[in-house]
């Protein structure tokens, strides 16, 4: 454990999960109010619906650090990253507002998002200008916006020549598609969580896997297609799955370059949310014109 300006830093443990979530909720809802995009729900409500996700992140974390007031022991910040196939992603980074601009954020990033680790370092970042300055200082730059599109899922029609089949315990085809599209593959533990919590489908064309999608009552994504022209059919099937699950409001994260999916969804009546994130990285990677990230927007 080290100390700096009355703040101590230590590696987090599973016992810190709820406190980190509380700090995250306070920070995100404060940002929403300041940007004129208030968010619904209380910290307890968010925790009840997302505890399993944050527990999973705790288990697969590459680095997870908390900052505490050296006198009171209260948490003043935390940062967590995950690493898959050389892709190091900063999933969460929050510092209590009264402790910002005092070096806490820099110290947390140095520990949880170290320079030189991984073949690419990536962040799904908010537009908070204070965080933006810190991310640029950490060596990443903004590549493109990540839009949130929302709508009521319906039955948009057939999937054409694509044949959907459920994803069960065989993750090989999904991982190979994601490697081709994103350049990195998800771990089996993360995929097991997805299969447990979301309905996953692999899409085949003439017997060959060409795409996949995960949809659940708690969120949607990831989704990907080897060819962007297949995304409308994949999204059409995903809408139907969401409708069968009783989802009233389907929310999807759309990379700015993914014109095929954005045009399809806006034609279906989906609307842009005022909240916009940014994909930041230390180098270009992936084919984001055919990829739809995980929602809520913590990681790809």
C-alpha atoms as a PDB file:
ATOM      1  CA  UNK A   1       0.000   0.000   0.000  1.00  0.00           C
ATOM      2  CA  UNK A   2       1.317   3.471  -0.892  1.00  0.00           C
ATOM      3  CA  UNK A   3       0.266   6.976   0.124  1.00  0.00           C
ATOM      4  CA  UNK A   4       0.177  10.300  -1.730  1.00  0.00           C
ATOM      5  CA  UNK A   5      -1.289  13.593  -0.511  1.00  0.00           C
ATOM      6  CA  UNK A   6      -3.373  11.948   2.277  1.00  0.00           C
ATOM      7  CA  UNK A   7      -4.655   9.258  -0.099  1.00  0.00           C
ATOM      8  CA  UNK A   8      -3.666   5.591   0.034  1.00  0.00           C
ATOM      9  CA  UNK A   9      -3.895   3.092  -2.829  1.00  0.00           C
ATOM     10  CA  UNK A  10      -4.435  -0.640  -2.696  1.00  0.00           C
ATOM     11  CA  UNK A  11      -5.597  -3.479  -4.904  1.00  0.00           C
ATOM     12  CA  UNK A  12      -9.324  -4.019  -4.609  1.00  0.00           C
ATOM     13  CA  UNK A  13     -11.044  -7.227  -3.570  1.00  0.00           C
ATOM     14  CA  UNK A  14     -14.525  -8.682  -4.036  1.00  0.00           C
ATOM     15  CA  UNK A  15     -15.538  -6.979  -0.777  1.00  0.00           C
ATOM     16  CA  UNK A  16     -15.105  -3.585  -2.498  1.00  0.00           C
ATOM     17  CA  UNK A  17     -17.600  -4.281  -5.299  1.00  0.00           C
ATOM     18  CA  UNK A  18     -20.663  -2.624  -3.745  1.00  0.00           C
ATOM     19  CA  UNK A  19     -18.743   0.472  -2.556  1.00  0.00           C
ATOM     20  CA  UNK A  20     -17.189   0.911  -6.016  1.00  0.00           C
ATOM     21  CA  UNK A  21     -20.638   0.661  -7.581  1.00  0.00           C
ATOM     22  CA  UNK A  22     -21.978   3.312  -5.192  1.00  0.00           C
ATOM     23  CA  UNK A  23     -19.156   5.685  -6.142  1.00  0.00           C
ATOM     24  CA  UNK A  24     -19.736   4.954  -9.848  1.00  0.00           C
ATOM     25  CA  UNK A  25     -23.461   5.694  -9.502  1.00  0.00           C
ATOM     26  CA  UNK A  26     -22.806   8.995  -7.742  1.00  0.00           C
ATOM     27  CA  UNK A  27     -20.309  10.045 -10.417  1.00  0.00           C
ATOM     28  CA  UNK A  28     -22.392   9.019 -13.436  1.00  0.00           C
ATOM     29  CA  UNK A  29     -25.635  10.547 -12.190  1.00  0.00           C
ATOM     30  CA  UNK A  30     -23.781  13.770 -11.296  1.00  0.00           C
ATOM     31  CA  UNK A  31     -22.342  13.911 -14.829  1.00  0.00           C
ATOM     32  CA  UNK A  32     -25.798  13.303 -16.275  1.00  0.00           C
ATOM     33  CA  UNK A  33     -27.257  16.218 -14.312  1.00  0.00           C
ATOM     34  CA  UNK A  34     -24.419  18.535 -15.350  1.00  0.00           C
ATOM     35  CA  UNK A  35     -24.850  17.599 -19.024  1.00  0.00           C
ATOM     36  CA  UNK A  36     -28.628  17.897 -18.981  1.00  0.00           C
ATOM     37  CA  UNK A  37     -29.150  14.160 -19.437  1.00  0.00           C
ATOM     38  CA  UNK A  38     -30.400  12.972 -16.019  1.00  0.00           C
ATOM     39  CA  UNK A  39     -30.421   9.222 -15.421  1.00  0.00           C
ATOM     40  CA  UNK A  40     -33.213   7.246 -13.801  1.00  0.00           C
ATOM     41  CA  UNK A  41     -32.972   4.936 -10.801  1.00  0.00           C
ATOM     42  CA  UNK A  42     -31.245   4.826  -7.439  1.00  0.00           C
ATOM     43  CA  UNK A  43     -27.902   3.270  -6.563  1.00  0.00           C
ATOM     44  CA  UNK A  44     -29.713   0.325  -4.943  1.00  0.00           C
ATOM     45  CA  UNK A  45     -31.870  -0.209  -8.030  1.00  0.00           C
ATOM     46  CA  UNK A  46     -28.826  -0.143 -10.315  1.00  0.00           C
ATOM     47  CA  UNK A  47     -27.027  -2.607  -8.043  1.00  0.00           C
ATOM     48  CA  UNK A  48     -29.940  -5.047  -7.979  1.00  0.00           C
ATOM     49  CA  UNK A  49     -30.103  -5.185 -11.765  1.00  0.00           C
ATOM     50  CA  UNK A  50     -26.355  -5.209 -12.448  1.00  0.00           C
ATOM     51  CA  UNK A  51     -24.693  -6.946  -9.484  1.00  0.00           C
ATOM     52  CA  UNK A  52     -23.879 -10.103 -11.455  1.00  0.00           C
ATOM     53  CA  UNK A  53     -22.154  -8.043 -14.172  1.00  0.00           C
ATOM     54  CA  UNK A  54     -19.959  -6.191 -11.681  1.00  0.00           C
ATOM     55  CA  UNK A  55     -19.174  -9.413  -9.845  1.00  0.00           C
ATOM     56  CA  UNK A  56     -18.021 -10.883 -13.159  1.00  0.00           C
ATOM     57  CA  UNK A  57     -15.842  -7.824 -13.824  1.00  0.00           C
ATOM     58  CA  UNK A  58     -14.336  -8.290 -10.372  1.00  0.00           C
ATOM     59  CA  UNK A  59     -13.364 -11.854 -11.253  1.00  0.00           C
ATOM     60  CA  UNK A  60     -11.831 -11.126 -14.673  1.00  0.00           C
ATOM     61  CA  UNK A  61     -10.177  -7.803 -13.815  1.00  0.00           C
ATOM     62  CA  UNK A  62      -6.624  -7.384 -15.065  1.00  0.00           C
ATOM     63  CA  UNK A  63      -6.099  -4.512 -12.605  1.00  0.00           C
ATOM     64  CA  UNK A  64      -8.482  -3.122  -9.988  1.00  0.00           C
ATOM     65  CA  UNK A  65      -7.356  -0.403  -7.609  1.00  0.00           C
ATOM     66  CA  UNK A  66      -9.099   1.769  -5.047  1.00  0.00           C
ATOM     67  CA  UNK A  67      -8.034   5.074  -3.543  1.00  0.00           C
ATOM     68  CA  UNK A  68      -8.936   5.785   0.071  1.00  0.00           C
ATOM     69  CA  UNK A  69      -8.707   8.741   2.396  1.00  0.00           C
ATOM     70  CA  UNK A  70      -5.657   7.917   4.491  1.00  0.00           C
ATOM     71  CA  UNK A  71      -7.316   9.201   7.663  1.00  0.00           C
ATOM     72  CA  UNK A  72     -10.937   8.022   7.453  1.00  0.00           C
ATOM     73  CA  UNK A  73     -10.474   5.030   5.142  1.00  0.00           C
ATOM     74  CA  UNK A  74     -13.411   6.136   2.992  1.00  0.00           C
ATOM     75  CA  UNK A  75     -13.190   5.388  -0.734  1.00  0.00           C
ATOM     76  CA  UNK A  76     -12.421   8.428  -2.897  1.00  0.00           C
ATOM     77  CA  UNK A  77     -11.849   6.722  -6.249  1.00  0.00           C
ATOM     78  CA  UNK A  78     -11.305   3.488  -8.115  1.00  0.00           C
ATOM     79  CA  UNK A  79     -10.209   2.215 -11.521  1.00  0.00           C
ATOM     80  CA  UNK A  80     -10.536  -1.192 -13.138  1.00  0.00           C
ATOM     81  CA  UNK A  81      -9.363  -2.735 -16.399  1.00  0.00           C
ATOM     82  CA  UNK A  82      -9.819  -6.045 -18.188  1.00  0.00           C
ATOM     83  CA  UNK A  83      -7.490  -7.664 -20.713  1.00  0.00           C
ATOM     84  CA  UNK A  84      -8.422 -10.054 -23.494  1.00  0.00           C
ATOM     85  CA  UNK A  85      -6.120 -11.259 -26.209  1.00  0.00           C
ATOM     86  CA  UNK A  86      -3.851  -8.232 -25.810  1.00  0.00           C
ATOM     87  CA  UNK A  87      -6.683  -5.667 -25.664  1.00  0.00           C
ATOM     88  CA  UNK A  88      -6.448  -3.757 -22.369  1.00  0.00           C
ATOM     89  CA  UNK A  89      -9.719  -1.933 -21.681  1.00  0.00           C
ATOM     90  CA  UNK A  90     -10.337   0.547 -18.901  1.00  0.00           C
ATOM     91  CA  UNK A  91     -13.850  -0.406 -17.801  1.00  0.00           C
ATOM     92  CA  UNK A  92     -14.347   2.041 -14.923  1.00  0.00           C
ATOM     93  CA  UNK A  93     -12.528   5.110 -13.645  1.00  0.00           C
ATOM     94  CA  UNK A  94     -14.137   7.373 -11.073  1.00  0.00           C
ATOM     95  CA  UNK A  95     -12.835   9.885  -8.544  1.00  0.00           C
ATOM     96  CA  UNK A  96     -15.050  11.636  -6.024  1.00  0.00           C
ATOM     97  CA  UNK A  97     -15.687  15.215  -7.173  1.00  0.00           C
ATOM     98  CA  UNK A  98     -14.086  16.809  -4.094  1.00  0.00           C
ATOM     99  CA  UNK A  99     -10.850  14.857  -4.711  1.00  0.00           C
ATOM    100  CA  UNK A 100     -10.431  15.584  -8.402  1.00  0.00           C
ATOM    101  CA  UNK A 101      -7.481  17.579  -9.797  1.00  0.00           C
ATOM    102  CA  UNK A 102      -5.298  16.431  -6.874  1.00  0.00           C
ATOM    103  CA  UNK A 103      -3.384  13.628  -8.549  1.00  0.00           C
ATOM    104  CA  UNK A 104      -5.723  10.815  -7.506  1.00  0.00           C
ATOM    105  CA  UNK A 105      -6.912  10.110 -11.045  1.00  0.00           C
ATOM    106  CA  UNK A 106      -3.382  10.048 -12.437  1.00  0.00           C
ATOM    107  CA  UNK A 107      -2.239   7.647  -9.723  1.00  0.00           C
ATOM    108  CA  UNK A 108      -5.183   5.307 -10.309  1.00  0.00           C
ATOM    109  CA  UNK A 109      -4.656   5.227 -14.068  1.00  0.00           C
ATOM    110  CA  UNK A 110      -0.959   4.493 -13.660  1.00  0.00           C
ATOM    111  CA  UNK A 111      -1.930   1.406 -11.664  1.00  0.00           C
ATOM    112  CA  UNK A 112      -5.031   0.167 -13.487  1.00  0.00           C
ATOM    113  CA  UNK A 113      -4.238   1.258 -17.055  1.00  0.00           C
ATOM    114  CA  UNK A 114      -0.446   1.154 -17.269  1.00  0.00           C
ATOM    115  CA  UNK A 115       1.373   2.356 -20.378  1.00  0.00           C
ATOM    116  CA  UNK A 116       3.027  -0.392 -22.368  1.00  0.00           C
ATOM    117  CA  UNK A 117       0.658  -3.140 -21.275  1.00  0.00           C
ATOM    118  CA  UNK A 118      -1.261  -4.937 -24.020  1.00  0.00           C
ATOM    119  CA  UNK A 119      -1.027  -4.599 -27.780  1.00  0.00           C
ATOM    120  CA  UNK A 120      -3.716  -1.883 -27.667  1.00  0.00           C
ATOM    121  CA  UNK A 121      -5.162   0.178 -24.807  1.00  0.00           C
ATOM    122  CA  UNK A 122      -8.792   1.239 -25.172  1.00  0.00           C
ATOM    123  CA  UNK A 123     -11.484   3.162 -23.277  1.00  0.00           C
ATOM    124  CA  UNK A 124     -15.205   3.775 -23.745  1.00  0.00           C
ATOM    125  CA  UNK A 125     -15.149   7.283 -22.341  1.00  0.00           C
ATOM    126  CA  UNK A 126     -17.767   9.828 -21.362  1.00  0.00           C
ATOM    127  CA  UNK A 127     -17.523  13.392 -22.628  1.00  0.00           C
ATOM    128  CA  UNK A 128     -16.481  14.687 -19.203  1.00  0.00           C
ATOM    129  CA  UNK A 129     -13.725  17.128 -20.144  1.00  0.00           C
ATOM    130  CA  UNK A 130     -11.814  16.469 -16.917  1.00  0.00           C
ATOM    131  CA  UNK A 131     -11.630  12.757 -17.714  1.00  0.00           C
ATOM    132  CA  UNK A 132     -10.826  13.514 -21.365  1.00  0.00           C
ATOM    133  CA  UNK A 133      -7.728  15.453 -20.351  1.00  0.00           C
ATOM    134  CA  UNK A 134      -6.593  12.553 -18.181  1.00  0.00           C
ATOM    135  CA  UNK A 135      -7.153   9.981 -20.967  1.00  0.00           C
ATOM    136  CA  UNK A 136      -5.146  12.044 -23.448  1.00  0.00           C
ATOM    137  CA  UNK A 137      -2.379  12.327 -20.877  1.00  0.00           C
ATOM    138  CA  UNK A 138      -2.499   8.528 -20.577  1.00  0.00           C
ATOM    139  CA  UNK A 139      -1.677   8.196 -24.285  1.00  0.00           C
ATOM    140  CA  UNK A 140      -5.102   7.574 -25.843  1.00  0.00           C
ATOM    141  CA  UNK A 141      -7.002   9.731 -28.338  1.00  0.00           C
ATOM    142  CA  UNK A 142     -10.667   9.923 -29.338  1.00  0.00           C
ATOM    143  CA  UNK A 143     -11.342   7.829 -32.457  1.00  0.00           C
ATOM    144  CA  UNK A 144     -15.112   8.171 -33.000  1.00  0.00           C
ATOM    145  CA  UNK A 145     -18.413   8.648 -31.128  1.00  0.00           C
ATOM    146  CA  UNK A 146     -20.448   5.803 -29.684  1.00  0.00           C
ATOM    147  CA  UNK A 147     -24.132   6.625 -30.040  1.00  0.00           C
ATOM    148  CA  UNK A 148     -26.949   5.179 -27.959  1.00  0.00           C
ATOM    149  CA  UNK A 149     -29.997   4.288 -30.051  1.00  0.00           C
ATOM    150  CA  UNK A 150     -33.212   3.237 -28.334  1.00  0.00           C
ATOM    151  CA  UNK A 151     -36.552   1.934 -29.529  1.00  0.00           C
ATOM    152  CA  UNK A 152     -39.363  -0.486 -28.859  1.00  0.00           C
ATOM    153  CA  UNK A 153     -38.409  -3.893 -30.284  1.00  0.00           C
ATOM    154  CA  UNK A 154     -40.827  -5.321 -32.792  1.00  0.00           C
ATOM    155  CA  UNK A 155     -41.035  -7.951 -35.511  1.00  0.00           C
ATOM    156  CA  UNK A 156     -39.245  -6.400 -38.498  1.00  0.00           C
ATOM    157  CA  UNK A 157     -39.385  -9.501 -40.685  1.00  0.00           C
ATOM    158  CA  UNK A 158     -37.284 -12.373 -41.974  1.00  0.00           C
ATOM    159  CA  UNK A 159     -33.508 -12.695 -41.772  1.00  0.00           C
ATOM    160  CA  UNK A 160     -33.049 -13.422 -45.463  1.00  0.00           C
ATOM    161  CA  UNK A 161     -30.491 -16.124 -46.150  1.00  0.00           C
ATOM    162  CA  UNK A 162     -29.034 -16.008 -42.639  1.00  0.00           C
ATOM    163  CA  UNK A 163     -29.886 -18.932 -40.378  1.00  0.00           C
ATOM    164  CA  UNK A 164     -29.781 -18.213 -36.601  1.00  0.00           C
ATOM    165  CA  UNK A 165     -28.707 -20.973 -34.228  1.00  0.00           C
ATOM    166  CA  UNK A 166     -28.385 -20.665 -30.429  1.00  0.00           C
ATOM    167  CA  UNK A 167     -24.918 -20.272 -28.939  1.00  0.00           C
ATOM    168  CA  UNK A 168     -24.434 -22.837 -26.205  1.00  0.00           C
ATOM    169  CA  UNK A 169     -21.130 -24.123 -24.840  1.00  0.00           C
ATOM    170  CA  UNK A 170     -19.264 -24.027 -28.158  1.00  0.00           C
ATOM    171  CA  UNK A 171     -17.747 -20.545 -28.307  1.00  0.00           C
ATOM    172  CA  UNK A 172     -15.259 -21.299 -31.080  1.00  0.00           C
ATOM    173  CA  UNK A 173     -17.187 -19.799 -34.042  1.00  0.00           C
ATOM    174  CA  UNK A 174     -18.174 -16.669 -32.082  1.00  0.00           C
ATOM    175  CA  UNK A 175     -14.601 -16.103 -30.937  1.00  0.00           C
ATOM    176  CA  UNK A 176     -13.245 -16.467 -34.475  1.00  0.00           C
ATOM    177  CA  UNK A 177     -15.736 -13.904 -35.822  1.00  0.00           C
ATOM    178  CA  UNK A 178     -14.824 -11.480 -33.053  1.00  0.00           C
ATOM    179  CA  UNK A 179     -11.133 -12.001 -33.742  1.00  0.00           C
ATOM    180  CA  UNK A 180     -11.685 -11.200 -37.432  1.00  0.00           C
ATOM    181  CA  UNK A 181     -13.823  -8.118 -36.677  1.00  0.00           C
ATOM    182  CA  UNK A 182     -12.361  -6.689 -33.476  1.00  0.00           C
ATOM    183  CA  UNK A 183      -8.888  -8.206 -33.549  1.00  0.00           C
ATOM    184  CA  UNK A 184      -9.356  -9.673 -30.066  1.00  0.00           C
ATOM    185  CA  UNK A 185     -11.399 -12.480 -28.508  1.00  0.00           C
ATOM    186  CA  UNK A 186     -13.462 -12.543 -25.332  1.00  0.00           C
ATOM    187  CA  UNK A 187     -12.512 -14.981 -22.578  1.00  0.00           C
ATOM    188  CA  UNK A 188     -14.562 -18.119 -22.011  1.00  0.00           C
ATOM    189  CA  UNK A 189     -15.598 -16.821 -18.571  1.00  0.00           C
ATOM    190  CA  UNK A 190     -17.047 -13.659 -20.093  1.00  0.00           C
ATOM    191  CA  UNK A 191     -18.821 -15.686 -22.770  1.00  0.00           C
ATOM    192  CA  UNK A 192     -20.243 -18.041 -20.154  1.00  0.00           C
ATOM    193  CA  UNK A 193     -21.662 -14.996 -18.349  1.00  0.00           C
ATOM    194  CA  UNK A 194     -23.201 -13.756 -21.607  1.00  0.00           C
ATOM    195  CA  UNK A 195     -24.825 -17.115 -22.376  1.00  0.00           C
ATOM    196  CA  UNK A 196     -26.195 -17.294 -18.827  1.00  0.00           C
ATOM    197  CA  UNK A 197     -27.685 -13.785 -18.877  1.00  0.00           C
ATOM    198  CA  UNK A 198     -28.464 -13.142 -22.561  1.00  0.00           C
ATOM    199  CA  UNK A 199     -29.847 -15.053 -25.501  1.00  0.00           C
ATOM    200  CA  UNK A 200     -26.941 -15.642 -27.885  1.00  0.00           C
ATOM    201  CA  UNK A 201     -27.236 -16.591 -31.544  1.00  0.00           C
ATOM    202  CA  UNK A 202     -24.758 -17.449 -34.255  1.00  0.00           C
ATOM    203  CA  UNK A 203     -25.778 -16.590 -37.824  1.00  0.00           C
ATOM    204  CA  UNK A 204     -24.801 -18.860 -40.705  1.00  0.00           C
ATOM    205  CA  UNK A 205     -24.834 -18.320 -44.450  1.00  0.00           C
ATOM    206  CA  UNK A 206     -24.653 -21.527 -46.492  1.00  0.00           C
ATOM    207  CA  UNK A 207     -23.500 -23.259 -43.316  1.00  0.00           C
ATOM    208  CA  UNK A 208     -20.672 -20.790 -42.674  1.00  0.00           C
ATOM    209  CA  UNK A 209     -20.699 -18.626 -39.492  1.00  0.00           C
ATOM    210  CA  UNK A 210     -20.925 -14.950 -40.515  1.00  0.00           C
ATOM    211  CA  UNK A 211     -22.171 -13.148 -37.407  1.00  0.00           C
ATOM    212  CA  UNK A 212     -23.442 -13.316 -33.822  1.00  0.00           C
ATOM    213  CA  UNK A 213     -25.619 -11.385 -31.399  1.00  0.00           C
ATOM    214  CA  UNK A 214     -26.459 -11.389 -27.697  1.00  0.00           C
ATOM    215  CA  UNK A 215     -29.713  -9.893 -26.395  1.00  0.00           C
ATOM    216  CA  UNK A 216     -31.114  -9.935 -22.861  1.00  0.00           C
ATOM    217  CA  UNK A 217     -33.550  -8.189 -20.570  1.00  0.00           C
ATOM    218  CA  UNK A 218     -30.573  -6.444 -18.921  1.00  0.00           C
ATOM    219  CA  UNK A 219     -29.033  -5.111 -22.133  1.00  0.00           C
ATOM    220  CA  UNK A 220     -27.869  -6.017 -25.624  1.00  0.00           C
ATOM    221  CA  UNK A 221     -24.614  -6.820 -27.362  1.00  0.00           C
ATOM    222  CA  UNK A 222     -22.046  -7.579 -28.335  1.00  0.00           C
ATOM    223  CA  UNK A 223     -22.982  -8.182 -31.965  1.00  0.00           C
ATOM    224  CA  UNK A 224     -20.824  -8.508 -35.060  1.00  0.00           C
ATOM    225  CA  UNK A 225     -20.915  -9.494 -38.725  1.00  0.00           C
ATOM    226  CA  UNK A 226     -18.088 -10.422 -41.063  1.00  0.00           C
ATOM    227  CA  UNK A 227     -19.825  -8.287 -43.705  1.00  0.00           C
ATOM    228  CA  UNK A 228     -21.706  -5.103 -42.693  1.00  0.00           C
ATOM    229  CA  UNK A 229     -24.468  -5.941 -45.176  1.00  0.00           C
ATOM    230  CA  UNK A 230     -25.545  -8.774 -42.842  1.00  0.00           C
ATOM    231  CA  UNK A 231     -26.181  -6.465 -39.887  1.00  0.00           C
ATOM    232  CA  UNK A 232     -29.775  -5.492 -40.804  1.00  0.00           C
ATOM    233  CA  UNK A 233     -30.824  -9.158 -40.850  1.00  0.00           C
ATOM    234  CA  UNK A 234     -28.987  -9.839 -37.582  1.00  0.00           C
ATOM    235  CA  UNK A 235     -30.601  -6.809 -35.945  1.00  0.00           C
ATOM    236  CA  UNK A 236     -34.012  -7.868 -37.259  1.00  0.00           C
ATOM    237  CA  UNK A 237     -33.660 -11.221 -35.531  1.00  0.00           C
ATOM    238  CA  UNK A 238     -32.276  -9.573 -32.375  1.00  0.00           C
ATOM    239  CA  UNK A 239     -35.343  -7.331 -32.209  1.00  0.00           C
ATOM    240  CA  UNK A 240     -37.575 -10.364 -32.332  1.00  0.00           C
ATOM    241  CA  UNK A 241     -35.593 -12.055 -29.559  1.00  0.00           C
ATOM    242  CA  UNK A 242     -35.881  -8.915 -27.410  1.00  0.00           C
ATOM    243  CA  UNK A 243     -39.620  -8.775 -28.055  1.00  0.00           C
ATOM    244  CA  UNK A 244     -40.003 -12.428 -27.015  1.00  0.00           C
ATOM    245  CA  UNK A 245     -38.101 -11.663 -23.811  1.00  0.00           C
ATOM    246  CA  UNK A 246     -40.573  -8.908 -22.971  1.00  0.00           C
ATOM    247  CA  UNK A 247     -38.098  -6.055 -23.478  1.00  0.00           C
ATOM    248  CA  UNK A 248     -40.029  -2.792 -23.831  1.00  0.00           C
ATOM    249  CA  UNK A 249     -37.059  -0.534 -24.570  1.00  0.00           C
ATOM    250  CA  UNK A 250     -34.121  -1.923 -26.532  1.00  0.00           C
ATOM    251  CA  UNK A 251     -30.934   0.116 -26.129  1.00  0.00           C
ATOM    252  CA  UNK A 252     -27.953  -0.405 -28.431  1.00  0.00           C
ATOM    253  CA  UNK A 253     -24.472   1.120 -28.560  1.00  0.00           C
ATOM    254  CA  UNK A 254     -23.539   2.082 -32.125  1.00  0.00           C
ATOM    255  CA  UNK A 255     -20.020   3.067 -33.221  1.00  0.00           C
ATOM    256  CA  UNK A 256     -20.089   6.128 -35.474  1.00  0.00           C
ATOM    257  CA  UNK A 257     -18.564   4.203 -38.422  1.00  0.00           C
ATOM    258  CA  UNK A 258     -21.339   1.560 -38.311  1.00  0.00           C
ATOM    259  CA  UNK A 259     -23.555   3.185 -40.923  1.00  0.00           C
ATOM    260  CA  UNK A 260     -25.335  -0.049 -41.897  1.00  0.00           C
ATOM    261  CA  UNK A 261     -26.692  -0.607 -38.391  1.00  0.00           C
ATOM    262  CA  UNK A 262     -27.453   3.065 -37.702  1.00  0.00           C
ATOM    263  CA  UNK A 263     -29.419   3.501 -40.936  1.00  0.00           C
ATOM    264  CA  UNK A 264     -31.330   0.267 -40.357  1.00  0.00           C
ATOM    265  CA  UNK A 265     -32.263   1.179 -36.789  1.00  0.00           C
ATOM    266  CA  UNK A 266     -33.295   4.772 -37.550  1.00  0.00           C
ATOM    267  CA  UNK A 267     -35.513   3.458 -40.365  1.00  0.00           C
ATOM    268  CA  UNK A 268     -37.027   1.123 -37.769  1.00  0.00           C
ATOM    269  CA  UNK A 269     -37.898   4.136 -35.593  1.00  0.00           C
ATOM    270  CA  UNK A 270     -34.990   3.939 -33.139  1.00  0.00           C
ATOM    271  CA  UNK A 271     -33.856   7.338 -31.889  1.00  0.00           C
ATOM    272  CA  UNK A 272     -30.526   8.808 -30.844  1.00  0.00           C
ATOM    273  CA  UNK A 273     -30.120   9.420 -27.124  1.00  0.00           C
ATOM    274  CA  UNK A 274     -28.532  12.696 -26.029  1.00  0.00           C
ATOM    275  CA  UNK A 275     -25.837  10.767 -24.130  1.00  0.00           C
ATOM    276  CA  UNK A 276     -22.817  10.144 -26.381  1.00  0.00           C
ATOM    277  CA  UNK A 277     -19.639   8.289 -25.451  1.00  0.00           C
ATOM    278  CA  UNK A 278     -16.282   8.187 -27.223  1.00  0.00           C
ATOM    279  CA  UNK A 279     -14.065   5.267 -28.188  1.00  0.00           C
ATOM    280  CA  UNK A 280     -10.508   6.199 -27.223  1.00  0.00           C
ATOM    281  CA  UNK A 281      -7.380   4.142 -27.831  1.00  0.00           C
ATOM    282  CA  UNK A 282      -3.627   4.433 -28.193  1.00  0.00           C
ATOM    283  CA  UNK A 283      -3.803   3.127 -31.784  1.00  0.00           C
ATOM    284  CA  UNK A 284      -6.366   2.281 -34.441  1.00  0.00           C
ATOM    285  CA  UNK A 285      -7.791  -1.231 -34.324  1.00  0.00           C
ATOM    286  CA  UNK A 286     -10.861  -3.229 -35.267  1.00  0.00           C
ATOM    287  CA  UNK A 287     -13.517  -2.934 -37.962  1.00  0.00           C
ATOM    288  CA  UNK A 288     -16.170  -0.924 -36.173  1.00  0.00           C
ATOM    289  CA  UNK A 289     -18.370  -0.577 -39.247  1.00  0.00           C
ATOM    290  CA  UNK A 290     -19.569  -4.124 -38.471  1.00  0.00           C
ATOM    291  CA  UNK A 291     -19.463  -4.283 -34.679  1.00  0.00           C
ATOM    292  CA  UNK A 292     -21.958  -3.370 -31.920  1.00  0.00           C
ATOM    293  CA  UNK A 293     -20.490  -3.246 -28.389  1.00  0.00           C
ATOM    294  CA  UNK A 294     -21.847  -4.520 -25.106  1.00  0.00           C
ATOM    295  CA  UNK A 295     -24.519  -2.438 -23.391  1.00  0.00           C
ATOM    296  CA  UNK A 296     -24.376  -0.857 -20.815  1.00  0.00           C
ATOM    297  CA  UNK A 297     -21.294   0.866 -22.265  1.00  0.00           C
ATOM    298  CA  UNK A 298     -18.562  -0.341 -19.889  1.00  0.00           C
ATOM    299  CA  UNK A 299     -16.463  -2.248 -22.402  1.00  0.00           C
ATOM    300  CA  UNK A 300     -16.573  -3.565 -25.972  1.00  0.00           C
END
